[in-house]
């Protein structure tokens, strides 16, 4: 299970993140390339863009489910980032 405290610092702030359990398998980048990318120096994935729509969230949740080492979390803070409400997960995800 991904731990928010162990997330990589280059993740874009928001609900989804990749932590230090990532084995650089490329699964998340294949499933949701608009949201996950590779840190070539660190040899791991990270979230470079948070989802904004329900369809985008579903893609990211597929990446969470497909991660073989459970290195992707979806429980990051979503309320007050940079002084504005940013990337709040839809109610269907938070239930």
N, C-alpha and C. Protein backbone atom coordinates (compact mmCIF):
# COMPACT_ATOMS: atom_id res chain seq x y z
N UNK A 1 0.84 -1.18 0.00
CA UNK A 1 0.00 0.00 0.00
C UNK A 1 0.88 1.24 0.00
N UNK A 2 0.58 2.17 -0.89
CA UNK A 2 1.35 3.40 -0.99
C UNK A 2 1.18 4.25 0.27
N UNK A 3 2.25 4.92 0.64
CA UNK A 3 2.25 5.78 1.82
C UNK A 3 2.55 7.22 1.39
N UNK A 4 1.66 8.12 1.74
CA UNK A 4 1.82 9.52 1.34
C UNK A 4 3.14 10.09 1.85
N UNK A 5 3.54 9.72 3.04
CA UNK A 5 4.79 10.23 3.63
C UNK A 5 6.02 9.78 2.85
N UNK A 6 5.89 8.70 2.07
CA UNK A 6 7.02 8.15 1.31
C UNK A 6 6.96 8.51 -0.17
N UNK A 7 6.09 9.47 -0.53
CA UNK A 7 5.93 9.84 -1.93
C UNK A 7 7.19 10.55 -2.45
N UNK A 8 7.39 10.45 -3.75
CA UNK A 8 8.50 11.17 -4.38
C UNK A 8 8.16 12.67 -4.43
N UNK A 9 9.16 13.52 -4.22
CA UNK A 9 8.90 14.96 -4.18
C UNK A 9 8.48 15.56 -5.52
N UNK A 10 8.75 14.87 -6.62
CA UNK A 10 8.39 15.44 -7.92
C UNK A 10 6.96 15.14 -8.34
N UNK A 11 6.17 14.47 -7.50
CA UNK A 11 4.74 14.29 -7.78
C UNK A 11 4.05 15.66 -7.75
N UNK A 12 3.14 15.87 -8.69
CA UNK A 12 2.31 17.07 -8.66
C UNK A 12 1.36 16.95 -7.47
N UNK A 13 1.23 18.00 -6.65
CA UNK A 13 0.36 17.92 -5.48
C UNK A 13 -1.07 17.55 -5.84
N UNK A 14 -1.68 16.73 -5.00
CA UNK A 14 -3.05 16.31 -5.19
C UNK A 14 -3.29 14.91 -4.68
N UNK A 15 -4.39 14.34 -5.08
CA UNK A 15 -4.83 13.05 -4.55
C UNK A 15 -3.91 11.90 -4.93
N UNK A 16 -3.43 11.88 -6.18
CA UNK A 16 -2.63 10.75 -6.66
C UNK A 16 -1.15 11.04 -6.52
N UNK A 17 -0.38 10.01 -6.19
CA UNK A 17 1.07 10.13 -6.02
C UNK A 17 1.70 8.75 -6.18
N UNK A 18 3.00 8.75 -6.41
CA UNK A 18 3.79 7.51 -6.45
C UNK A 18 4.79 7.59 -5.31
N UNK A 19 4.92 6.48 -4.57
CA UNK A 19 5.86 6.49 -3.45
C UNK A 19 7.12 5.70 -3.79
N UNK A 20 8.01 5.58 -2.80
CA UNK A 20 9.33 4.99 -3.03
C UNK A 20 9.33 3.47 -3.20
N UNK A 21 8.17 2.85 -3.28
CA UNK A 21 8.10 1.42 -3.58
C UNK A 21 8.14 1.14 -5.08
N UNK A 22 8.05 2.18 -5.90
CA UNK A 22 7.99 2.05 -7.35
C UNK A 22 9.19 1.27 -7.88
N UNK A 23 8.92 0.29 -8.75
CA UNK A 23 9.99 -0.52 -9.34
C UNK A 23 10.22 -0.16 -10.81
N UNK A 24 9.63 0.93 -11.27
CA UNK A 24 9.84 1.43 -12.63
C UNK A 24 9.41 0.42 -13.68
N UNK A 25 8.26 -0.22 -13.46
CA UNK A 25 7.79 -1.27 -14.36
C UNK A 25 7.10 -0.71 -15.60
N UNK A 26 6.73 0.56 -15.60
CA UNK A 26 6.10 1.23 -16.74
C UNK A 26 4.59 1.01 -16.84
N UNK A 27 4.00 0.23 -15.95
CA UNK A 27 2.58 -0.08 -16.05
C UNK A 27 1.71 1.18 -15.97
N UNK A 28 1.96 2.06 -15.01
CA UNK A 28 1.14 3.26 -14.88
C UNK A 28 1.32 4.18 -16.07
N UNK A 29 2.52 4.25 -16.59
CA UNK A 29 2.78 5.12 -17.74
C UNK A 29 2.09 4.59 -19.00
N UNK A 30 1.93 3.28 -19.08
CA UNK A 30 1.21 2.70 -20.21
C UNK A 30 -0.30 2.88 -20.06
N UNK A 31 -0.81 2.71 -18.84
CA UNK A 31 -2.25 2.82 -18.59
C UNK A 31 -2.76 4.25 -18.58
N UNK A 32 -1.96 5.17 -18.10
CA UNK A 32 -2.41 6.56 -17.95
C UNK A 32 -1.25 7.53 -18.24
N UNK A 33 -0.78 7.55 -19.49
CA UNK A 33 0.40 8.36 -19.82
C UNK A 33 0.20 9.87 -19.66
N UNK A 34 -1.04 10.32 -19.65
CA UNK A 34 -1.28 11.75 -19.47
C UNK A 34 -1.03 12.20 -18.04
N UNK A 35 -0.92 11.25 -17.12
CA UNK A 35 -0.80 11.58 -15.70
C UNK A 35 0.49 11.09 -15.06
N UNK A 36 1.05 10.03 -15.59
CA UNK A 36 2.27 9.45 -15.03
C UNK A 36 3.41 9.57 -16.02
N UNK A 37 4.58 9.89 -15.53
CA UNK A 37 5.76 9.96 -16.36
C UNK A 37 6.94 9.38 -15.59
N UNK A 38 8.09 9.34 -16.23
CA UNK A 38 9.27 8.70 -15.63
C UNK A 38 10.29 9.75 -15.22
N UNK A 39 10.86 9.55 -14.05
CA UNK A 39 12.03 10.31 -13.62
C UNK A 39 13.23 9.49 -14.06
N UNK A 40 13.88 9.91 -15.11
CA UNK A 40 14.98 9.13 -15.68
C UNK A 40 16.17 9.00 -14.72
N UNK A 41 16.45 10.04 -13.97
CA UNK A 41 17.57 9.99 -13.03
C UNK A 41 17.28 9.05 -11.86
N UNK A 42 16.05 9.11 -11.36
CA UNK A 42 15.69 8.29 -10.21
C UNK A 42 15.16 6.92 -10.57
N UNK A 43 14.89 6.70 -11.86
CA UNK A 43 14.36 5.43 -12.36
C UNK A 43 13.08 5.03 -11.62
N UNK A 44 12.10 5.94 -11.66
CA UNK A 44 10.79 5.66 -11.07
C UNK A 44 9.75 6.54 -11.75
N UNK A 45 8.51 6.19 -11.56
CA UNK A 45 7.41 6.99 -12.08
C UNK A 45 6.99 8.04 -11.07
N UNK A 46 6.27 9.05 -11.55
CA UNK A 46 5.66 10.03 -10.67
C UNK A 46 4.46 10.64 -11.38
N UNK A 47 3.59 11.29 -10.62
CA UNK A 47 2.41 11.95 -11.17
C UNK A 47 2.82 13.33 -11.64
N UNK A 48 2.70 13.57 -12.96
CA UNK A 48 3.07 14.89 -13.48
C UNK A 48 1.85 15.77 -13.73
N UNK A 49 0.65 15.17 -13.68
CA UNK A 49 -0.58 15.96 -13.80
C UNK A 49 -1.69 15.22 -13.06
N UNK A 50 -2.41 15.95 -12.24
CA UNK A 50 -3.54 15.37 -11.51
C UNK A 50 -4.78 15.33 -12.41
N UNK A 51 -5.62 14.31 -12.25
CA UNK A 51 -6.85 14.25 -13.04
C UNK A 51 -7.85 15.31 -12.60
N UNK A 52 -8.66 15.76 -13.56
CA UNK A 52 -9.65 16.79 -13.25
C UNK A 52 -11.08 16.34 -13.53
N UNK A 53 -11.25 15.36 -14.37
CA UNK A 53 -12.59 14.90 -14.70
C UNK A 53 -12.80 13.48 -14.17
N UNK A 54 -14.04 13.05 -14.18
CA UNK A 54 -14.36 11.70 -13.72
C UNK A 54 -13.66 10.65 -14.59
N UNK A 55 -13.63 10.85 -15.89
CA UNK A 55 -12.95 9.90 -16.78
C UNK A 55 -11.46 9.85 -16.51
N UNK A 56 -10.86 11.00 -16.24
CA UNK A 56 -9.44 11.04 -15.93
C UNK A 56 -9.15 10.33 -14.61
N UNK A 57 -10.00 10.54 -13.63
CA UNK A 57 -9.84 9.86 -12.34
C UNK A 57 -9.91 8.35 -12.54
N UNK A 58 -10.83 7.90 -13.37
CA UNK A 58 -10.96 6.46 -13.63
C UNK A 58 -9.68 5.90 -14.23
N UNK A 59 -9.06 6.63 -15.14
CA UNK A 59 -7.78 6.17 -15.70
C UNK A 59 -6.71 6.04 -14.62
N UNK A 60 -6.65 7.02 -13.74
CA UNK A 60 -5.66 6.97 -12.67
C UNK A 60 -5.96 5.84 -11.70
N UNK A 61 -7.22 5.59 -11.43
CA UNK A 61 -7.58 4.47 -10.55
C UNK A 61 -7.22 3.13 -11.19
N UNK A 62 -7.30 3.04 -12.51
CA UNK A 62 -6.84 1.83 -13.20
C UNK A 62 -5.35 1.64 -12.99
N UNK A 63 -4.60 2.74 -13.02
CA UNK A 63 -3.16 2.66 -12.75
C UNK A 63 -2.90 2.21 -11.31
N UNK A 64 -3.69 2.72 -10.37
CA UNK A 64 -3.55 2.29 -8.97
C UNK A 64 -3.77 0.79 -8.87
N UNK A 65 -4.84 0.31 -9.48
CA UNK A 65 -5.17 -1.12 -9.42
C UNK A 65 -4.15 -1.98 -10.15
N UNK A 66 -3.52 -1.44 -11.19
CA UNK A 66 -2.58 -2.22 -11.98
C UNK A 66 -1.16 -2.22 -11.46
N UNK A 67 -0.87 -1.41 -10.47
CA UNK A 67 0.50 -1.34 -9.96
C UNK A 67 0.85 -2.62 -9.22
N UNK A 68 1.88 -3.35 -9.68
CA UNK A 68 2.21 -4.64 -9.06
C UNK A 68 2.76 -4.55 -7.65
N UNK A 69 3.24 -3.38 -7.25
CA UNK A 69 3.81 -3.24 -5.90
C UNK A 69 3.03 -2.25 -5.04
N UNK A 70 1.87 -1.82 -5.53
CA UNK A 70 1.01 -0.88 -4.80
C UNK A 70 1.73 0.40 -4.41
N UNK A 71 2.48 0.94 -5.37
CA UNK A 71 3.25 2.16 -5.11
C UNK A 71 2.49 3.44 -5.46
N UNK A 72 1.26 3.32 -5.96
CA UNK A 72 0.47 4.49 -6.32
C UNK A 72 -0.63 4.69 -5.30
N UNK A 73 -0.67 5.88 -4.73
CA UNK A 73 -1.70 6.20 -3.76
C UNK A 73 -2.71 7.18 -4.33
N UNK A 74 -3.89 7.19 -3.74
CA UNK A 74 -4.94 8.12 -4.15
C UNK A 74 -5.53 8.85 -2.95
N UNK A 75 -4.77 8.89 -1.86
CA UNK A 75 -5.27 9.49 -0.63
C UNK A 75 -4.52 10.76 -0.24
N UNK A 76 -3.88 11.39 -1.23
CA UNK A 76 -3.18 12.64 -0.95
C UNK A 76 -4.15 13.77 -0.68
N UNK A 77 -3.68 14.87 -0.12
CA UNK A 77 -4.56 16.00 0.19
C UNK A 77 -5.11 16.63 -1.08
N UNK A 78 -6.37 17.00 -1.04
CA UNK A 78 -7.00 17.55 -2.23
C UNK A 78 -7.70 18.88 -1.98
N UNK A 79 -7.76 19.32 -0.77
CA UNK A 79 -8.56 20.51 -0.48
C UNK A 79 -7.82 21.82 -0.72
N UNK A 80 -6.91 22.18 0.10
CA UNK A 80 -6.26 23.49 -0.02
C UNK A 80 -4.82 23.33 -0.49
N UNK A 81 -4.63 23.46 -1.79
CA UNK A 81 -3.29 23.39 -2.37
C UNK A 81 -3.05 24.71 -3.08
N UNK A 82 -2.04 25.41 -2.66
CA UNK A 82 -1.74 26.70 -3.29
C UNK A 82 -2.83 27.73 -3.10
N UNK A 83 -3.59 27.61 -2.02
CA UNK A 83 -4.61 28.60 -1.72
C UNK A 83 -5.90 28.44 -2.50
N UNK A 84 -6.07 27.33 -3.19
CA UNK A 84 -7.31 27.12 -3.93
C UNK A 84 -7.69 25.64 -3.89
N UNK A 85 -8.94 25.38 -4.10
CA UNK A 85 -9.41 24.00 -4.14
C UNK A 85 -8.90 23.39 -5.44
N UNK A 86 -8.10 22.36 -5.34
CA UNK A 86 -7.41 21.80 -6.50
C UNK A 86 -7.57 20.29 -6.51
N UNK A 87 -7.97 19.74 -7.60
CA UNK A 87 -8.01 18.31 -7.82
C UNK A 87 -8.78 17.56 -6.75
N UNK A 88 -9.94 18.01 -6.45
CA UNK A 88 -10.78 17.30 -5.49
C UNK A 88 -11.34 16.07 -6.17
N UNK A 89 -11.19 14.91 -5.53
CA UNK A 89 -11.71 13.68 -6.10
C UNK A 89 -13.23 13.71 -6.13
N UNK A 90 -13.82 13.22 -7.18
CA UNK A 90 -15.29 13.16 -7.22
C UNK A 90 -15.84 12.30 -6.08
N UNK A 91 -17.07 12.56 -5.72
CA UNK A 91 -17.68 11.84 -4.60
C UNK A 91 -17.69 10.34 -4.81
N UNK A 92 -17.82 9.85 -6.05
CA UNK A 92 -17.86 8.42 -6.27
C UNK A 92 -16.57 7.74 -5.86
N UNK A 93 -15.45 8.47 -5.86
CA UNK A 93 -14.17 7.90 -5.46
C UNK A 93 -14.01 7.94 -3.95
N UNK A 94 -14.49 8.98 -3.32
CA UNK A 94 -14.26 9.18 -1.89
C UNK A 94 -15.20 8.38 -1.02
N UNK A 95 -16.20 7.70 -1.60
CA UNK A 95 -17.16 6.95 -0.80
C UNK A 95 -16.60 5.61 -0.37
